[in-house]
C-alpha atoms as a PDB file:
ATOM      1  CA  MET A   1       0.106  -0.266   0.119  1.00  0.00           C
ATOM      2  CA  ARG A   2       1.699   3.043  -1.207  1.00  0.00           C
ATOM      3  CA  GLN A   3       0.856   6.454   0.943  1.00  0.00           C
ATOM      4  CA  ASP A   4       1.616   9.993   1.091  1.00  0.00           C
ATOM      5  CA  PRO A   5       1.840  11.496   3.987  1.00  0.00           C
ATOM      6  CA  ARG A   6       0.624  14.943   3.035  1.00  0.00           C
ATOM      7  CA  LEU A   7      -2.781  13.687   2.288  1.00  0.00           C
ATOM      8  CA  LEU A   8      -3.576  12.164   5.931  1.00  0.00           C
ATOM      9  CA  GLY A   9      -6.298  13.433   7.834  1.00  0.00           C
ATOM     10  CA  LYS A  10      -9.481  15.484   6.952  1.00  0.00           C
ATOM     11  CA  TRP A  11     -10.130  17.638   3.927  1.00  0.00           C
ATOM     12  CA  SER A  12     -12.953  19.994   3.406  1.00  0.00           C
ATOM     13  CA  THR A  13     -14.586  21.153  -0.630  1.00  0.00           C
ATOM     14  CA  ASP A  14     -13.344  24.737  -0.937  1.00  0.00           C
ATOM     15  CA  ILE A  15     -16.576  26.369  -1.468  1.00  0.00           C
ATOM     16  CA  SER A  16     -15.072  29.664  -2.293  1.00  0.00           C
ATOM     17  CA  ASP A  17     -14.136  27.725  -5.810  1.00  0.00           C
ATOM     18  CA  PRO A  18     -16.992  27.957  -7.729  1.00  0.00           C
ATOM     19  CA  THR A  19     -16.242  25.223 -10.004  1.00  0.00           C
ATOM     20  CA  THR A  20     -15.869  22.847  -6.660  1.00  0.00           C
ATOM     21  CA  ARG A  21     -19.103  24.303  -5.115  1.00  0.00           C
ATOM     22  CA  GLU A  22     -21.190  23.907  -8.058  1.00  0.00           C
ATOM     23  CA  LYS A  23     -19.904  19.993  -8.789  1.00  0.00           C
ATOM     24  CA  TYR A  24     -19.437  18.626  -4.897  1.00  0.00           C
ATOM     25  CA  GLY A  25     -20.957  21.088  -2.884  1.00  0.00           C
ATOM     26  CA  ARG A  26     -20.137  20.771   0.997  1.00  0.00           C
ATOM     27  CA  ALA A  27     -18.428  17.083   1.055  1.00  0.00           C
ATOM     28  CA  SER A  28     -15.362  15.862   3.278  1.00  0.00           C
ATOM     29  CA  MET A  29     -12.523  13.607   2.910  1.00  0.00           C
ATOM     30  CA  GLU A  30     -10.665  11.918   5.623  1.00  0.00           C
ATOM     31  CA  PHE A  31      -7.343   9.769   4.907  1.00  0.00           C
ATOM     32  CA  ARG A  32      -6.736   7.297   7.307  1.00  0.00           C
ATOM     33  CA  GLN A  33      -2.991   5.806   7.499  1.00  0.00           C
ATOM     34  CA  ASP A  34      -4.675   2.190   7.345  1.00  0.00           C
ATOM     35  CA  GLY A  35      -5.236   2.896   3.525  1.00  0.00           C
ATOM     36  CA  MET A  36      -9.002   3.810   4.243  1.00  0.00           C
ATOM     37  CA  LEU A  37     -10.888   7.183   2.302  1.00  0.00           C
ATOM     38  CA  VAL A  38     -14.061   8.150   3.865  1.00  0.00           C
ATOM     39  CA  TYR A  39     -16.229  10.274   1.566  1.00  0.00           C
ATOM     40  CA  THR A  40     -19.010  12.220   2.938  1.00  0.00           C
ATOM     41  CA  ALA A  41     -21.207  14.191   0.997  1.00  0.00           C
ATOM     42  CA  HIS A  42     -22.714  16.554   3.675  1.00  0.00           C
ATOM     43  CA  GLY A  43     -26.491  16.918   2.469  1.00  0.00           C
ATOM     44  CA  LYS A  44     -29.491  19.383   3.834  1.00  0.00           C
ATOM     45  CA  ASP A  45     -31.090  16.856   5.561  1.00  0.00           C
ATOM     46  CA  ARG A  46     -28.831  13.917   5.981  1.00  0.00           C
ATOM     47  CA  ASP A  47     -25.004  12.790   5.320  1.00  0.00           C
ATOM     48  CA  GLN A  48     -23.906  10.154   2.012  1.00  0.00           C
ATOM     49  CA  VAL A  49     -21.125   8.014   3.596  1.00  0.00           C
ATOM     50  CA  ILE A  50     -18.649   6.256   0.858  1.00  0.00           C
ATOM     51  CA  LEU A  51     -16.148   4.204   2.177  1.00  0.00           C
ATOM     52  CA  LEU A  52     -13.068   3.533  -0.018  1.00  0.00           C
ATOM     53  CA  ASP A  53      -9.480   2.149  -0.284  1.00  0.00           C
ATOM     54  CA  TYR A  54      -6.658   4.562  -1.840  1.00  0.00           C
ATOM     55  CA  GLU A  55      -3.158   4.532  -2.645  1.00  0.00           C
ATOM     56  CA  ALA A  56      -1.189   7.489  -3.722  1.00  0.00           C
ATOM     57  CA  ASP A  57       1.547   7.092  -5.815  1.00  0.00           C
ATOM     58  CA  GLY A  58       3.382  10.315  -7.256  1.00  0.00           C
ATOM     59  CA  SER A  59       1.124  12.450  -8.148  1.00  0.00           C
ATOM     60  CA  VAL A  60      -1.980   9.818  -8.574  1.00  0.00           C
ATOM     61  CA  LEU A  61      -4.386   8.664  -6.335  1.00  0.00           C
ATOM     62  CA  THR A  62      -5.750   5.208  -6.810  1.00  0.00           C
ATOM     63  CA  THR A  63      -9.370   4.727  -4.905  1.00  0.00           C
ATOM     64  CA  ASN A  64     -11.571   1.627  -5.108  1.00  0.00           C
ATOM     65  CA  GLN A  65     -14.825   0.965  -2.964  1.00  0.00           C
ATOM     66  CA  PRO A  66     -14.867  -2.289  -1.997  1.00  0.00           C
ATOM     67  CA  SER A  67     -18.628  -2.858  -2.275  1.00  0.00           C
ATOM     68  CA  ALA A  68     -18.975  -1.689  -6.254  1.00  0.00           C
ATOM     69  CA  PRO A  69     -14.878  -2.923  -6.904  1.00  0.00           C
ATOM     70  CA  ARG A  70     -13.519  -0.184  -9.375  1.00  0.00           C
ATOM     71  CA  GLU A  71     -10.603   1.333  -9.436  1.00  0.00           C
ATOM     72  CA  GLU A  72     -10.410   5.350 -10.398  1.00  0.00           C
ATOM     73  CA  ARG A  73      -7.760   7.301 -10.954  1.00  0.00           C
ATOM     74  CA  THR A  74      -7.114  10.851  -9.981  1.00  0.00           C
ATOM     75  CA  HIS A  75      -4.415  13.035 -10.477  1.00  0.00           C
ATOM     76  CA  TYR A  76      -3.890  15.340  -7.227  1.00  0.00           C
ATOM     77  CA  GLU A  77      -1.385  17.675  -5.980  1.00  0.00           C
ATOM     78  CA  LEU A  78      -0.467  19.917  -3.017  1.00  0.00           C
ATOM     79  CA  PRO A  79       0.523  23.603  -3.504  1.00  0.00           C
ATOM     80  CA  SER A  80       0.646  24.157  -0.044  1.00  0.00           C
ATOM     81  CA  ARG A  81       0.574  21.948   3.085  1.00  0.00           C
ATOM     82  CA  ASP A  82      -3.449  22.911   3.747  1.00  0.00           C
ATOM     83  CA  TYR A  83      -4.478  23.209   0.235  1.00  0.00           C
ATOM     84  CA  LEU A  84      -5.038  19.657  -2.397  1.00  0.00           C
ATOM     85  CA  VAL A  85      -6.394  19.964  -6.349  1.00  0.00           C
ATOM     86  CA  LEU A  86      -7.919  16.789  -7.649  1.00  0.00           C
ATOM     87  CA  SER A  87      -8.357  16.544 -11.034  1.00  0.00           C
ATOM     88  CA  PHE A  88     -10.348  13.904 -12.643  1.00  0.00           C
ATOM     89  CA  GLY A  89     -12.461  13.781 -15.797  1.00  0.00           C
ATOM     90  CA  GLY A  90     -11.526  17.085 -16.921  1.00  0.00           C
ATOM     91  CA  ILE A  91     -13.121  18.828 -13.530  1.00  0.00           C
ATOM     92  CA  ARG A  92     -10.582  20.359 -11.092  1.00  0.00           C
ATOM     93  CA  SER A  93     -11.676  20.465  -7.552  1.00  0.00           C
ATOM     94  CA  CYS A  94     -10.207  22.238  -4.400  1.00  0.00           C
ATOM     95  CA  PHE A  95     -10.028  21.442  -0.915  1.00  0.00           C
ATOM     96  CA  THR A  96      -8.679  22.617   2.411  1.00  0.00           C
ATOM     97  CA  ARG A  97      -7.490  20.655   5.068  1.00  0.00           C
ATOM     98  CA  VAL A  98      -9.555  20.737   8.219  1.00  0.00           C
END
């Protein structure tokens, strides 16, 4: 299991970024040391939680949802310690460390 220790911890969507706000709304991700990624879409009435396995290698984040196996690859960059940019399917989304 490959990891990037800079990803560890909780991140929240940067709602000041228009693309991120429009595409994802309020969401958070928690990268755990055991290779689990907890993605939460924060809804008006309730949250939706998705549990994923992840690996980070170079600038590529690979995720897989064990309940519906299918690997997804997302390019990522950390322009600063507290700012994460993901690029998937031509869409760029931004997250800040919580």
